[in-house]
Amino acid sequence: LRARRPATWPAASLLPAALALAALGLRLAPPALGERLIFDRVAVVDGGERWRIVTGALVHFSWSHALGDALALAAAGLCLDPRRRAETAVLLFGAMAASGLGVLRYAPELRWYGGLSGVAHAVVVHAALAGLRRGGAGRALSAAVLGLVAVKLAVDGDAARQLAATYAGSRVVVADVSHRAAVAFALALSGLVALAGYVRAKMGSGAVGTGSCSRVPAAP
């Protein structure tokens, strides 16, 4: 008889979708809840409400804004390795925090900030870097995706602001610094994952070598 392999629960792929659904659900919640979660510079700096740095990513300024970010994040999540649940959780939380910290540090003109677009950028980059590490036929596609993201980050500006005004509301400004901050976190996390894999491989090969040597009989 041939043993069946246990089915893999795609939790890592579902986590981004769950986060996207949470953001959509927040649009249905009483406005007071969103006001307690949105990134508000005055509340963060003067009121000490540091959680807003992270939770601000869940708040969106219109349904079109929320739907666009949610669809992008859920679609990007399908490209993640379903076995790496803890890594995906760190990626999502870290990207949310990095987005808020980027706005706090580098966009002092913005009092309010919200949206999951930075997190979606981070997930795309993390998945593409994983594709590069795996190699094979998907390596060229991963490299192309990374190139497209780099171009987008380079040209984020007037075009992005015009899109925001059209689809998210005339008073909404694209905080492109949040995209760059989230991508920077994804790059750092992917680097740590690659380094950990390299160290494990080296330790594994070293252990095998030691075992082989231990089986060599001593000289008489």
C-alpha atoms as a PDB file:
ATOM      1  CA  LEU A   1       0.000   0.000   0.000  1.00  0.00           C
ATOM      2  CA  ARG A   2       1.124   3.494  -0.706  1.00  0.00           C
ATOM      3  CA  ALA A   3       0.862   5.962   2.155  1.00  0.00           C
ATOM      4  CA  ARG A   4      -0.986   9.142   1.352  1.00  0.00           C
ATOM      5  CA  ARG A   5       0.774  12.406   1.961  1.00  0.00           C
ATOM      6  CA  PRO A   6      -1.080  14.621   4.410  1.00  0.00           C
ATOM      7  CA  ALA A   7      -2.811  17.536   2.786  1.00  0.00           C
ATOM      8  CA  THR A   8      -1.126  20.891   3.331  1.00  0.00           C
ATOM      9  CA  TRP A   9      -3.414  23.523   4.772  1.00  0.00           C
ATOM     10  CA  PRO A  10      -2.589  26.679   2.839  1.00  0.00           C
ATOM     11  CA  ALA A  11      -2.577  28.871   5.943  1.00  0.00           C
ATOM     12  CA  ALA A  12       0.200  31.095   4.660  1.00  0.00           C
ATOM     13  CA  SER A  13      -1.829  31.877   1.537  1.00  0.00           C
ATOM     14  CA  LEU A  14      -4.969  32.496   3.579  1.00  0.00           C
ATOM     15  CA  LEU A  15      -3.417  34.929   6.050  1.00  0.00           C
ATOM     16  CA  PRO A  16      -3.210  37.806   3.531  1.00  0.00           C
ATOM     17  CA  ALA A  17      -6.795  37.083   2.465  1.00  0.00           C
ATOM     18  CA  ALA A  18      -7.897  37.147   6.098  1.00  0.00           C
ATOM     19  CA  LEU A  19      -6.189  40.493   6.570  1.00  0.00           C
ATOM     20  CA  ALA A  20      -7.895  41.811   3.437  1.00  0.00           C
ATOM     21  CA  LEU A  21     -11.276  40.624   4.729  1.00  0.00           C
ATOM     22  CA  ALA A  22     -10.613  42.318   8.055  1.00  0.00           C
ATOM     23  CA  ALA A  23     -10.012  45.605   6.239  1.00  0.00           C
ATOM     24  CA  LEU A  24     -13.231  45.191   4.252  1.00  0.00           C
ATOM     25  CA  GLY A  25     -15.129  44.329   7.418  1.00  0.00           C
ATOM     26  CA  LEU A  26     -13.842  47.486   9.041  1.00  0.00           C
ATOM     27  CA  ARG A  27     -15.601  49.478   6.328  1.00  0.00           C
ATOM     28  CA  LEU A  28     -18.872  48.022   7.653  1.00  0.00           C
ATOM     29  CA  ALA A  29     -18.059  48.732  11.296  1.00  0.00           C
ATOM     30  CA  PRO A  30     -19.103  51.907  13.121  1.00  0.00           C
ATOM     31  CA  PRO A  31     -16.928  54.853  12.041  1.00  0.00           C
ATOM     32  CA  ALA A  32     -15.710  55.286  15.619  1.00  0.00           C
ATOM     33  CA  LEU A  33     -13.748  52.038  15.351  1.00  0.00           C
ATOM     34  CA  GLY A  34     -11.881  53.220  12.269  1.00  0.00           C
ATOM     35  CA  GLU A  35     -11.151  56.500  13.998  1.00  0.00           C
ATOM     36  CA  ARG A  36      -9.497  54.562  16.844  1.00  0.00           C
ATOM     37  CA  LEU A  37      -7.354  52.520  14.453  1.00  0.00           C
ATOM     38  CA  ILE A  38      -6.330  54.966  11.735  1.00  0.00           C
ATOM     39  CA  PHE A  39      -2.806  56.361  11.697  1.00  0.00           C
ATOM     40  CA  ASP A  40      -3.210  59.832  13.217  1.00  0.00           C
ATOM     41  CA  ARG A  41       0.103  61.636  13.680  1.00  0.00           C
ATOM     42  CA  VAL A  42      -1.160  63.811  16.522  1.00  0.00           C
ATOM     43  CA  ALA A  43      -2.583  60.818  18.393  1.00  0.00           C
ATOM     44  CA  VAL A  44       0.619  58.807  17.854  1.00  0.00           C
ATOM     45  CA  VAL A  45       3.120  61.521  18.764  1.00  0.00           C
ATOM     46  CA  ASP A  46       1.252  63.554  21.361  1.00  0.00           C
ATOM     47  CA  GLY A  47      -1.240  60.988  22.623  1.00  0.00           C
ATOM     48  CA  GLY A  48       1.090  58.008  22.803  1.00  0.00           C
ATOM     49  CA  GLU A  49      -1.299  55.805  20.807  1.00  0.00           C
ATOM     50  CA  ARG A  50       1.468  53.776  19.188  1.00  0.00           C
ATOM     51  CA  TRP A  51      -0.805  50.971  17.993  1.00  0.00           C
ATOM     52  CA  ARG A  52      -2.039  53.260  15.230  1.00  0.00           C
ATOM     53  CA  ILE A  53       1.320  52.814  13.484  1.00  0.00           C
ATOM     54  CA  VAL A  54       0.310  49.200  12.773  1.00  0.00           C
ATOM     55  CA  THR A  55      -3.490  49.306  12.683  1.00  0.00           C
ATOM     56  CA  GLY A  56      -3.619  52.276  10.330  1.00  0.00           C
ATOM     57  CA  ALA A  57      -3.075  49.874   7.425  1.00  0.00           C
ATOM     58  CA  LEU A  58      -6.490  48.340   8.082  1.00  0.00           C
ATOM     59  CA  VAL A  59      -8.341  51.630   7.584  1.00  0.00           C
ATOM     60  CA  HIS A  60      -9.372  52.785   4.109  1.00  0.00           C
ATOM     61  CA  PHE A  61     -10.932  56.026   2.966  1.00  0.00           C
ATOM     62  CA  SER A  62     -13.473  54.653   0.487  1.00  0.00           C
ATOM     63  CA  TRP A  63     -14.870  51.354  -0.760  1.00  0.00           C
ATOM     64  CA  SER A  64     -12.871  51.600  -3.974  1.00  0.00           C
ATOM     65  CA  HIS A  65      -9.717  52.166  -1.926  1.00  0.00           C
ATOM     66  CA  ALA A  66     -10.500  49.168   0.305  1.00  0.00           C
ATOM     67  CA  LEU A  67     -11.472  46.835  -2.533  1.00  0.00           C
ATOM     68  CA  GLY A  68      -8.396  47.672  -4.595  1.00  0.00           C
ATOM     69  CA  ASP A  69      -6.014  47.048  -1.701  1.00  0.00           C
ATOM     70  CA  ALA A  70      -7.852  43.918  -0.551  1.00  0.00           C
ATOM     71  CA  LEU A  71      -7.857  42.298  -3.987  1.00  0.00           C
ATOM     72  CA  ALA A  72      -4.174  43.100  -4.544  1.00  0.00           C
ATOM     73  CA  LEU A  73      -3.183  41.657  -1.168  1.00  0.00           C
ATOM     74  CA  ALA A  74      -5.299  38.507  -1.479  1.00  0.00           C
ATOM     75  CA  ALA A  75      -3.993  37.814  -4.991  1.00  0.00           C
ATOM     76  CA  ALA A  76      -0.384  38.339  -3.926  1.00  0.00           C
ATOM     77  CA  GLY A  77      -0.884  36.003  -0.984  1.00  0.00           C
ATOM     78  CA  LEU A  78      -1.664  33.119  -3.334  1.00  0.00           C
ATOM     79  CA  CYS A  79       1.981  33.201  -4.445  1.00  0.00           C
ATOM     80  CA  LEU A  80       3.366  32.586  -0.937  1.00  0.00           C
ATOM     81  CA  ASP A  81       4.633  29.202   0.220  1.00  0.00           C
ATOM     82  CA  PRO A  82       1.662  27.674   2.124  1.00  0.00           C
ATOM     83  CA  ARG A  83       3.999  25.899   4.563  1.00  0.00           C
ATOM     84  CA  ARG A  84       5.602  29.077   5.907  1.00  0.00           C
ATOM     85  CA  ARG A  85       2.850  30.266   8.211  1.00  0.00           C
ATOM     86  CA  ALA A  86       5.005  31.936  10.867  1.00  0.00           C
ATOM     87  CA  GLU A  87       7.126  33.647   8.224  1.00  0.00           C
ATOM     88  CA  THR A  88       4.009  35.007   6.522  1.00  0.00           C
ATOM     89  CA  ALA A  89       2.631  36.308   9.819  1.00  0.00           C
ATOM     90  CA  VAL A  90       5.910  38.135  10.485  1.00  0.00           C
ATOM     91  CA  LEU A  91       5.857  39.517   6.941  1.00  0.00           C
ATOM     92  CA  LEU A  92       2.325  40.917   7.272  1.00  0.00           C
ATOM     93  CA  PHE A  93       2.768  42.419  10.730  1.00  0.00           C
ATOM     94  CA  GLY A  94       6.205  43.792   9.904  1.00  0.00           C
ATOM     95  CA  ALA A  95       5.006  45.353   6.647  1.00  0.00           C
ATOM     96  CA  MET A  96       2.095  47.018   8.441  1.00  0.00           C
ATOM     97  CA  ALA A  97       4.461  48.423  11.056  1.00  0.00           C
ATOM     98  CA  ALA A  98       7.050  49.463   8.466  1.00  0.00           C
ATOM     99  CA  SER A  99       4.415  51.316   6.435  1.00  0.00           C
ATOM    100  CA  GLY A 100       3.308  53.318   9.452  1.00  0.00           C
ATOM    101  CA  LEU A 101       6.848  54.008  10.629  1.00  0.00           C
ATOM    102  CA  GLY A 102       7.826  55.148   7.144  1.00  0.00           C
ATOM    103  CA  VAL A 103       5.004  57.673   7.086  1.00  0.00           C
ATOM    104  CA  LEU A 104       5.782  58.784  10.634  1.00  0.00           C
ATOM    105  CA  ARG A 105       9.443  59.383   9.858  1.00  0.00           C
ATOM    106  CA  TYR A 106       9.506  60.482   6.231  1.00  0.00           C
ATOM    107  CA  ALA A 107       6.121  62.074   5.521  1.00  0.00           C
ATOM    108  CA  PRO A 108       5.669  64.689   8.249  1.00  0.00           C
ATOM    109  CA  GLU A 109       3.156  66.550   6.084  1.00  0.00           C
ATOM    110  CA  LEU A 110       0.644  63.697   6.419  1.00  0.00           C
ATOM    111  CA  ARG A 111      -1.483  63.692   9.540  1.00  0.00           C
ATOM    112  CA  TRP A 112      -3.628  60.667   8.582  1.00  0.00           C
ATOM    113  CA  TYR A 113      -2.596  57.504   6.794  1.00  0.00           C
ATOM    114  CA  GLY A 114      -4.385  54.266   5.957  1.00  0.00           C
ATOM    115  CA  GLY A 115      -4.393  51.392   3.484  1.00  0.00           C
ATOM    116  CA  LEU A 116      -2.930  47.953   2.791  1.00  0.00           C
ATOM    117  CA  SER A 117      -1.144  48.873  -0.429  1.00  0.00           C
ATOM    118  CA  GLY A 118       2.250  48.892   1.283  1.00  0.00           C
ATOM    119  CA  VAL A 119       1.608  45.410   2.681  1.00  0.00           C
ATOM    120  CA  ALA A 120       0.573  44.193  -0.775  1.00  0.00           C
ATOM    121  CA  HIS A 121       3.847  45.514  -2.197  1.00  0.00           C
ATOM    122  CA  ALA A 122       5.780  43.669   0.518  1.00  0.00           C
ATOM    123  CA  VAL A 123       3.999  40.365  -0.144  1.00  0.00           C
ATOM    124  CA  VAL A 124       4.657  40.603  -3.882  1.00  0.00           C
ATOM    125  CA  VAL A 125       8.366  41.277  -3.321  1.00  0.00           C
ATOM    126  CA  HIS A 126       8.721  38.531  -0.701  1.00  0.00           C
ATOM    127  CA  ALA A 127       7.044  35.964  -2.968  1.00  0.00           C
ATOM    128  CA  ALA A 128       9.164  36.997  -5.958  1.00  0.00           C
ATOM    129  CA  LEU A 129      12.385  36.725  -3.965  1.00  0.00           C
ATOM    130  CA  ALA A 130      11.347  33.261  -2.807  1.00  0.00           C
ATOM    131  CA  GLY A 131      10.815  32.354  -6.463  1.00  0.00           C
ATOM    132  CA  LEU A 132      14.338  33.491  -7.279  1.00  0.00           C
ATOM    133  CA  ARG A 133      15.754  31.322  -4.502  1.00  0.00           C
ATOM    134  CA  ARG A 134      13.836  28.272  -5.704  1.00  0.00           C
ATOM    135  CA  GLY A 135      15.100  28.706  -9.257  1.00  0.00           C
ATOM    136  CA  GLY A 136      13.623  26.718 -12.115  1.00  0.00           C
ATOM    137  CA  ALA A 137      11.197  28.000 -14.690  1.00  0.00           C
ATOM    138  CA  GLY A 138       9.699  30.545 -12.306  1.00  0.00           C
ATOM    139  CA  ARG A 139      12.953  32.430 -11.823  1.00  0.00           C
ATOM    140  CA  ALA A 140      12.516  34.601 -14.941  1.00  0.00           C
ATOM    141  CA  LEU A 141       8.961  35.525 -13.938  1.00  0.00           C
ATOM    142  CA  SER A 142      10.094  36.382 -10.397  1.00  0.00           C
ATOM    143  CA  ALA A 143      12.856  38.604 -11.763  1.00  0.00           C
ATOM    144  CA  ALA A 144      10.371  40.352 -14.052  1.00  0.00           C
ATOM    145  CA  VAL A 145       7.985  40.983 -11.160  1.00  0.00           C
ATOM    146  CA  LEU A 146      10.779  42.472  -9.069  1.00  0.00           C
ATOM    147  CA  GLY A 147      11.752  44.693 -11.987  1.00  0.00           C
ATOM    148  CA  LEU A 148       8.179  45.930 -12.377  1.00  0.00           C
ATOM    149  CA  VAL A 149       7.937  46.702  -8.663  1.00  0.00           C
ATOM    150  CA  ALA A 150      11.218  48.609  -8.817  1.00  0.00           C
ATOM    151  CA  VAL A 151       9.965  50.673 -11.754  1.00  0.00           C
ATOM    152  CA  LYS A 152       6.681  51.371  -9.978  1.00  0.00           C
ATOM    153  CA  LEU A 153       8.437  52.538  -6.836  1.00  0.00           C
ATOM    154  CA  ALA A 154      10.688  54.761  -8.912  1.00  0.00           C
ATOM    155  CA  VAL A 155       7.820  56.469 -10.719  1.00  0.00           C
ATOM    156  CA  ASP A 156       5.353  56.632  -7.818  1.00  0.00           C
ATOM    157  CA  GLY A 157       4.332  60.245  -7.679  1.00  0.00           C
ATOM    158  CA  ASP A 158       2.029  62.333  -9.824  1.00  0.00           C
ATOM    159  CA  ALA A 159       0.514  59.354 -11.667  1.00  0.00           C
ATOM    160  CA  ALA A 160      -0.180  57.518  -8.417  1.00  0.00           C
ATOM    161  CA  ARG A 161      -1.681  60.611  -6.849  1.00  0.00           C
ATOM    162  CA  GLN A 162      -3.986  61.063  -9.822  1.00  0.00           C
ATOM    163  CA  LEU A 163      -5.144  57.450  -9.521  1.00  0.00           C
ATOM    164  CA  ALA A 164      -5.791  57.959  -5.827  1.00  0.00           C
ATOM    165  CA  ALA A 165      -7.831  61.058  -6.526  1.00  0.00           C
ATOM    166  CA  THR A 166      -9.890  59.130  -9.085  1.00  0.00           C
ATOM    167  CA  TYR A 167     -10.510  55.887  -7.198  1.00  0.00           C
ATOM    168  CA  ALA A 168     -10.070  56.706  -3.509  1.00  0.00           C
ATOM    169  CA  GLY A 169     -11.294  60.279  -3.253  1.00  0.00           C
ATOM    170  CA  SER A 170     -10.115  63.725  -4.232  1.00  0.00           C
ATOM    171  CA  ARG A 171      -8.590  64.403  -0.797  1.00  0.00           C
ATOM    172  CA  VAL A 172      -6.545  61.192  -0.705  1.00  0.00           C
ATOM    173  CA  VAL A 173      -2.808  61.328  -1.391  1.00  0.00           C
ATOM    174  CA  VAL A 174      -0.700  58.255  -2.129  1.00  0.00           C
ATOM    175  CA  ALA A 175       1.870  57.819   0.626  1.00  0.00           C
ATOM    176  CA  ASP A 176       4.479  56.235  -1.618  1.00  0.00           C
ATOM    177  CA  VAL A 177       6.950  56.260   1.269  1.00  0.00           C
ATOM    178  CA  SER A 178       4.811  53.571   2.919  1.00  0.00           C
ATOM    179  CA  HIS A 179       5.302  51.341  -0.138  1.00  0.00           C
ATOM    180  CA  ARG A 180       9.066  51.785  -0.024  1.00  0.00           C
ATOM    181  CA  ALA A 181       9.227  51.156   3.722  1.00  0.00           C
ATOM    182  CA  ALA A 182       7.179  47.958   3.449  1.00  0.00           C
ATOM    183  CA  VAL A 183       9.295  46.717   0.544  1.00  0.00           C
ATOM    184  CA  ALA A 184      12.451  47.454   2.534  1.00  0.00           C
ATOM    185  CA  PHE A 185      11.114  45.273   5.337  1.00  0.00           C
ATOM    186  CA  ALA A 186      10.301  42.489   2.851  1.00  0.00           C
ATOM    187  CA  LEU A 187      13.842  42.669   1.473  1.00  0.00           C
ATOM    188  CA  ALA A 188      15.304  42.449   4.981  1.00  0.00           C
ATOM    189  CA  LEU A 189      13.087  39.516   5.953  1.00  0.00           C
ATOM    190  CA  SER A 190      13.853  37.660   2.711  1.00  0.00           C
ATOM    191  CA  GLY A 191      17.541  38.197   3.333  1.00  0.00           C
ATOM    192  CA  LEU A 192      17.257  36.704   6.821  1.00  0.00           C
ATOM    193  CA  VAL A 193      15.307  33.727   5.451  1.00  0.00           C
ATOM    194  CA  ALA A 194      17.961  33.129   2.790  1.00  0.00           C
ATOM    195  CA  LEU A 195      20.737  33.421   5.386  1.00  0.00           C
ATOM    196  CA  ALA A 196      18.988  30.979   7.720  1.00  0.00           C
ATOM    197  CA  GLY A 197      18.597  28.508   4.856  1.00  0.00           C
ATOM    198  CA  TYR A 198      22.275  28.850   3.981  1.00  0.00           C
ATOM    199  CA  VAL A 199      23.347  28.287   7.587  1.00  0.00           C
ATOM    200  CA  ARG A 200      21.100  25.219   7.915  1.00  0.00           C
ATOM    201  CA  ALA A 201      22.521  23.781   4.710  1.00  0.00           C
ATOM    202  CA  LYS A 202      26.084  24.348   5.889  1.00  0.00           C
ATOM    203  CA  MET A 203      25.406  22.829   9.298  1.00  0.00           C
ATOM    204  CA  GLY A 204      23.747  19.842   7.656  1.00  0.00           C
ATOM    205  CA  SER A 205      26.656  19.203   5.336  1.00  0.00           C
ATOM    206  CA  GLY A 206      29.085  19.628   8.232  1.00  0.00           C
ATOM    207  CA  ALA A 207      27.218  17.071  10.325  1.00  0.00           C
ATOM    208  CA  VAL A 208      27.350  14.544   7.501  1.00  0.00           C
ATOM    209  CA  GLY A 209      31.096  15.067   7.094  1.00  0.00           C
ATOM    210  CA  THR A 210      31.725  14.574  10.799  1.00  0.00           C
ATOM    211  CA  GLY A 211      29.702  11.374  10.809  1.00  0.00           C
ATOM    212  CA  SER A 212      31.657  10.007   7.861  1.00  0.00           C
ATOM    213  CA  CYS A 213      34.941  10.725   9.543  1.00  0.00           C
ATOM    214  CA  SER A 214      33.819   9.066  12.753  1.00  0.00           C
ATOM    215  CA  ARG A 215      33.366   5.806  10.885  1.00  0.00           C
ATOM    216  CA  VAL A 216      36.994   5.697   9.685  1.00  0.00           C
ATOM    217  CA  PRO A 217      38.782   2.995  11.735  1.00  0.00           C
ATOM    218  CA  ALA A 218      41.693   4.132  13.822  1.00  0.00           C
ATOM    219  CA  ALA A 219      45.171   3.266  12.554  1.00  0.00           C
ATOM    220  CA  PRO A 220      46.780   0.275  14.308  1.00  0.00           C
END
